[in-house]
Amino acid sequence: MSCPVSPKLDFGGTTPYEDYVHASVLHTLQQQWSKDPREMSFLVITQVMELYFGLLCFEWRQAQTELRADDLRAAVRTLRRSDLHLQALSAAWRPIARMTPTEFNSFRDALGEGSGFQSGMYREMEFLLGEKSASMLVPHRAVPAMHAQLEESLSKPSLYDDVLAALKRKGFDIPQSVLDRDLTKAYEASPEVEQVWAEIYRGDDRDLLELGEALTDIAEEFARWRYDHLLATRRSMGSKVGTGGSAGVAWLEKRTQRAVFPELWTARSYV
């Protein structure tokens, strides 16, 4: 039986694509606050970044579920997939980073005090990576659902906490004090955890090595995203105060100095 040459055109209503993607809704969400055409590029890219923030949070929570089931291979596959999402997220900076100060200033006033610093989903992403701070809940108090979600995430294990718990169950000497620490605080490096990773990297357990490398890829790509943010800001607005009232470049420089999953970097000196 020969296949039809032409695609089906009449579905008697909305198309299955529309029902699944909700494209007509997506394309109503870009509403410029200035008349400058460059604002549309900035707005769409910012919304794309938000979607990637949500996707990364979804993937890392999935990896947590797999780690808790001690399915390290499934967790590594999920982490590898999330690294590709991070690469795409980083690429989104390029059009913004090519704006001159004059071009960015042409619509900057329309942002008012708006800033990516205020993104609840980005904050969720940081919390999942162990970058926690109760003070970061403050900007979200006026959005009760987002505030409640972040408050819950603040007190729950991060992705790295679940990695360390999985290593503990496999017999590695992860200090109980690390696992029982105050989960609402930012993760701080542990010499004992560093030695565990050094032991793993000196060994030949491919599953554990792949886990370490998948996490390192994520940490590296996240650091690259932060640094690209810094460069884009420095290039488009120099050292001006940020749109959200932060110190702008100075604030971003401080954030780029923090590494997630810190022992995965320092342990390499002992291998």
Protein backbone atom coordinates (compact mmCIF):
# COMPACT_ATOMS: atom_id res chain seq x y z
CA MET A 1 0.00 0.00 0.00
CA SER A 2 1.47 3.37 -1.01
CA CYS A 3 1.73 6.14 1.54
CA PRO A 4 -0.03 9.47 0.90
CA VAL A 5 2.29 12.09 -0.56
CA SER A 6 0.64 15.11 1.07
CA PRO A 7 0.33 15.57 4.84
CA LYS A 8 -3.07 15.69 6.50
CA LEU A 9 -4.25 19.30 6.56
CA ASP A 10 -7.74 19.30 8.05
CA PHE A 11 -8.12 18.06 11.62
CA GLY A 12 -11.62 19.41 12.19
CA GLY A 13 -10.34 21.77 14.88
CA THR A 14 -6.96 22.69 16.32
CA THR A 15 -3.98 20.69 15.13
CA PRO A 16 -2.41 18.01 17.33
CA TYR A 17 0.76 20.13 17.29
CA GLU A 18 -1.12 23.09 18.76
CA ASP A 19 -2.79 20.89 21.38
CA TYR A 20 0.61 19.54 22.45
CA VAL A 21 2.87 22.61 22.20
CA HIS A 22 0.31 25.41 22.83
CA ALA A 23 2.23 27.53 20.32
CA SER A 24 -0.56 30.08 19.97
CA VAL A 25 -0.32 30.75 23.72
CA LEU A 26 3.48 30.96 23.67
CA HIS A 27 3.43 33.59 20.96
CA THR A 28 1.12 35.87 22.95
CA LEU A 29 3.61 36.14 25.83
CA GLN A 30 6.05 38.55 24.16
CA GLN A 31 4.78 42.02 24.95
CA GLN A 32 7.29 44.82 24.47
CA TRP A 33 7.37 47.70 26.92
CA SER A 34 9.25 49.96 24.50
CA LYS A 35 9.09 50.65 20.78
CA ASP A 36 12.64 49.51 20.14
CA PRO A 37 12.69 46.36 17.95
CA ARG A 38 15.77 45.02 19.79
CA GLU A 39 13.67 44.56 22.91
CA MET A 40 11.86 41.65 21.24
CA SER A 41 15.13 39.75 20.90
CA PHE A 42 15.97 40.39 24.56
CA LEU A 43 12.48 39.41 25.69
CA VAL A 44 12.25 36.15 23.70
CA ILE A 45 15.76 35.04 24.74
CA THR A 46 14.95 35.78 28.39
CA GLN A 47 11.79 33.67 28.13
CA VAL A 48 13.75 30.86 26.46
CA MET A 49 16.19 30.98 29.37
CA GLU A 50 13.29 30.69 31.81
CA LEU A 51 12.05 27.57 30.00
CA TYR A 52 15.53 26.07 30.24
CA PHE A 53 15.70 26.88 33.95
CA GLY A 54 12.50 24.91 34.46
CA LEU A 55 13.73 22.04 32.29
CA LEU A 56 17.01 21.80 34.20
CA CYS A 57 15.16 21.72 37.53
CA PHE A 58 12.97 18.92 36.15
CA GLU A 59 16.00 16.92 35.00
CA TRP A 60 17.90 17.33 38.27
CA ARG A 61 14.89 16.27 40.33
CA GLN A 62 14.62 13.22 38.06
CA ALA A 63 18.29 12.47 38.72
CA GLN A 64 17.63 12.76 42.46
CA THR A 65 14.87 10.14 42.17
CA GLU A 66 17.25 7.80 40.32
CA LEU A 67 20.05 8.37 42.83
CA ARG A 68 17.72 7.55 45.72
CA ALA A 69 16.89 4.28 43.95
CA ASP A 70 20.67 3.65 43.59
CA ASP A 71 20.28 3.54 39.81
CA LEU A 72 23.52 5.37 39.05
CA ARG A 73 23.50 4.59 35.34
CA ALA A 74 20.05 6.13 34.89
CA ALA A 75 21.12 9.15 36.95
CA VAL A 76 24.21 9.63 34.77
CA ARG A 77 22.10 9.49 31.60
CA THR A 78 19.82 12.17 33.03
CA LEU A 79 22.76 14.32 34.11
CA ARG A 80 24.37 14.01 30.68
CA ARG A 81 21.12 15.14 29.07
CA SER A 82 20.93 18.13 31.41
CA ASP A 83 24.46 19.14 30.43
CA LEU A 84 23.26 19.51 26.83
CA HIS A 85 20.45 21.75 28.10
CA LEU A 86 23.03 23.87 29.93
CA GLN A 87 25.06 24.22 26.74
CA ALA A 88 21.98 25.48 24.91
CA LEU A 89 21.24 27.86 27.78
CA SER A 90 24.75 29.30 27.57
CA ALA A 91 24.41 29.78 23.80
CA ALA A 92 21.38 32.01 24.42
CA TRP A 93 23.69 34.75 25.73
CA ARG A 94 25.28 35.38 22.34
CA PRO A 95 22.66 37.72 20.79
CA ILE A 96 22.37 39.70 24.04
CA ALA A 97 26.13 39.91 24.45
CA ARG A 98 26.48 41.50 20.99
CA MET A 99 24.34 44.50 21.90
CA THR A 100 26.26 47.75 22.22
CA PRO A 101 25.63 49.91 25.29
CA THR A 102 23.58 52.30 23.14
CA GLU A 103 21.45 49.46 21.77
CA PHE A 104 20.81 48.03 25.24
CA ASN A 105 20.04 51.48 26.67
CA SER A 106 17.42 52.01 23.96
CA PHE A 107 15.02 49.76 25.90
CA ARG A 108 16.69 49.31 29.29
CA ASP A 109 14.43 51.85 31.00
CA ALA A 110 11.45 49.67 30.09
CA LEU A 111 12.81 46.97 32.41
CA GLY A 112 12.50 49.29 35.39
CA GLU A 113 13.72 47.32 38.41
CA GLY A 114 13.24 44.01 36.58
CA SER A 115 16.24 41.69 36.63
CA GLY A 116 17.04 38.05 35.97
CA PHE A 117 18.26 38.08 39.57
CA GLN A 118 14.56 37.95 40.49
CA SER A 119 13.85 34.72 38.57
CA GLY A 120 12.26 32.19 40.91
CA MET A 121 13.11 29.25 38.65
CA TYR A 122 16.75 30.30 38.43
CA ARG A 123 16.80 30.44 42.23
CA GLU A 124 15.33 26.92 42.29
CA MET A 125 18.12 25.83 39.96
CA GLU A 126 20.77 27.29 42.29
CA PHE A 127 19.18 25.60 45.29
CA LEU A 128 19.29 22.24 43.50
CA LEU A 129 23.01 22.80 42.88
CA GLY A 130 23.61 23.49 46.58
CA GLU A 131 23.83 27.29 46.29
CA LYS A 132 21.35 28.03 49.07
CA SER A 133 20.50 31.19 50.97
CA ALA A 134 17.33 31.96 52.92
CA SER A 135 17.67 35.67 52.06
CA MET A 136 17.09 34.80 48.40
CA LEU A 137 13.46 33.99 49.23
CA VAL A 138 12.70 37.66 49.94
CA PRO A 139 12.08 38.82 46.32
CA HIS A 140 9.43 36.11 45.88
CA ARG A 141 7.19 36.87 48.85
CA ALA A 142 4.59 38.54 46.63
CA VAL A 143 4.17 35.33 44.59
CA PRO A 144 2.98 32.85 47.24
CA ALA A 145 3.21 29.70 45.10
CA MET A 146 6.78 30.45 44.01
CA HIS A 147 7.79 31.45 47.53
CA ALA A 148 6.37 28.22 48.97
CA GLN A 149 8.15 26.15 46.32
CA LEU A 150 11.49 27.80 47.04
CA GLU A 151 10.99 27.56 50.79
CA GLU A 152 10.45 23.82 50.39
CA SER A 153 13.49 23.45 48.12
CA LEU A 154 15.63 25.40 50.58
CA SER A 155 15.16 22.74 53.23
CA LYS A 156 15.39 19.71 50.95
CA PRO A 157 18.56 17.88 49.84
CA SER A 158 20.31 19.32 46.81
CA LEU A 159 21.35 17.16 43.87
CA TYR A 160 24.85 16.89 45.36
CA ASP A 161 23.43 15.88 48.76
CA ASP A 162 21.73 12.94 47.04
CA VAL A 163 24.98 12.04 45.26
CA LEU A 164 26.86 11.96 48.56
CA ALA A 165 24.09 9.92 50.23
CA ALA A 166 24.30 7.40 47.36
CA LEU A 167 28.08 7.16 47.80
CA LYS A 168 27.60 6.59 51.53
CA ARG A 169 25.23 3.68 50.80
CA LYS A 170 27.89 2.21 48.50
CA GLY A 171 30.30 2.09 51.43
CA PHE A 172 32.33 5.26 50.94
CA ASP A 173 33.41 7.23 54.00
CA ILE A 174 31.12 10.24 53.63
CA PRO A 175 30.96 11.91 57.08
CA GLN A 176 27.55 11.74 58.69
CA SER A 177 28.01 15.37 59.69
CA VAL A 178 28.01 16.29 55.97
CA LEU A 179 24.77 14.40 55.37
CA ASP A 180 23.15 15.78 58.53
CA ARG A 181 24.21 19.38 57.98
CA ASP A 182 21.76 22.31 57.87
CA LEU A 183 20.32 21.89 54.37
CA THR A 184 19.15 25.51 54.26
CA LYS A 185 22.79 26.67 54.10
CA ALA A 186 25.06 26.72 51.07
CA TYR A 187 27.16 23.58 50.71
CA GLU A 188 30.74 23.95 51.96
CA ALA A 189 33.62 21.74 50.84
CA SER A 190 34.66 18.82 53.02
CA PRO A 191 38.20 17.33 53.11
CA GLU A 192 36.71 13.87 53.69
CA VAL A 193 34.44 14.16 50.66
CA GLU A 194 37.43 15.36 48.65
CA GLN A 195 39.30 12.18 49.57
CA VAL A 196 36.30 10.04 48.57
CA TRP A 197 36.32 11.55 45.10
CA ALA A 198 40.10 11.09 44.89
CA GLU A 199 39.58 7.42 45.76
CA ILE A 200 36.90 7.08 43.08
CA TYR A 201 39.13 8.68 40.45
CA ARG A 202 42.03 6.40 41.38
CA GLY A 203 39.75 3.39 41.01
CA ASP A 204 38.25 1.59 38.04
CA ASP A 205 34.50 1.63 38.78
CA ARG A 206 33.22 3.05 35.50
CA ASP A 207 29.75 3.89 36.88
CA LEU A 208 31.23 6.05 39.64
CA LEU A 209 33.75 7.66 37.30
CA GLU A 210 30.94 8.49 34.87
CA LEU A 211 28.93 9.98 37.73
CA GLY A 212 31.85 12.18 38.74
CA GLU A 213 32.46 13.33 35.19
CA ALA A 214 28.77 14.03 34.52
CA LEU A 215 28.63 16.21 37.62
CA THR A 216 31.87 17.96 36.65
CA ASP A 217 30.46 18.70 33.20
CA ILE A 218 27.42 20.31 34.82
CA ALA A 219 29.56 22.33 37.24
CA GLU A 220 31.77 23.50 34.36
CA GLU A 221 28.87 24.44 32.11
CA PHE A 222 27.10 26.25 34.96
CA ALA A 223 30.29 28.21 35.67
CA ARG A 224 30.48 29.05 31.97
CA TRP A 225 26.87 30.28 32.02
CA ARG A 226 27.64 32.53 34.96
CA TYR A 227 30.77 33.86 33.32
CA ASP A 228 28.98 34.49 30.03
CA HIS A 229 26.36 36.41 32.00
CA LEU A 230 29.15 38.50 33.50
CA LEU A 231 30.69 39.18 30.08
CA ALA A 232 27.34 40.05 28.47
CA THR A 233 26.59 42.49 31.31
CA ARG A 234 30.05 44.03 31.25
CA ARG A 235 29.87 44.48 27.47
CA SER A 236 26.37 45.97 27.33
CA MET A 237 26.38 48.20 30.42
CA GLY A 238 29.88 48.36 31.85
CA SER A 239 29.95 48.87 35.62
CA LYS A 240 26.55 50.56 35.97
CA VAL A 241 24.18 49.52 38.74
CA GLY A 242 22.19 46.45 37.65
CA THR A 243 18.55 46.77 36.58
CA GLY A 244 17.45 45.07 39.79
CA GLY A 245 19.44 47.47 41.96
CA SER A 246 22.36 45.07 42.44
CA ALA A 247 26.00 46.06 42.04
CA GLY A 248 25.82 44.73 38.48
CA VAL A 249 29.20 43.49 37.29
CA ALA A 250 30.65 43.46 40.83
CA TRP A 251 27.82 41.21 42.02
CA LEU A 252 28.25 38.84 39.08
CA GLU A 253 32.03 38.69 39.56
CA LYS A 254 31.48 37.57 43.12
CA ARG A 255 29.06 34.84 42.02
CA THR A 256 31.44 33.48 39.38
CA GLN A 257 34.04 32.76 42.07
CA ARG A 258 31.87 30.07 43.67
CA ALA A 259 32.13 26.55 42.24
CA VAL A 260 29.38 23.97 42.64
CA PHE A 261 30.39 20.40 43.63
CA PRO A 262 33.71 21.86 44.89
CA GLU A 263 35.49 18.61 45.85
CA LEU A 264 35.20 17.29 42.29
CA TRP A 265 37.68 20.00 41.32
CA THR A 266 40.11 19.85 44.24
CA ALA A 267 40.22 16.03 44.42
CA ARG A 268 42.04 15.92 41.08
CA SER A 269 45.18 17.19 42.80
CA TYR A 270 45.37 13.88 44.70
CA VAL A 271 44.89 11.48 41.81
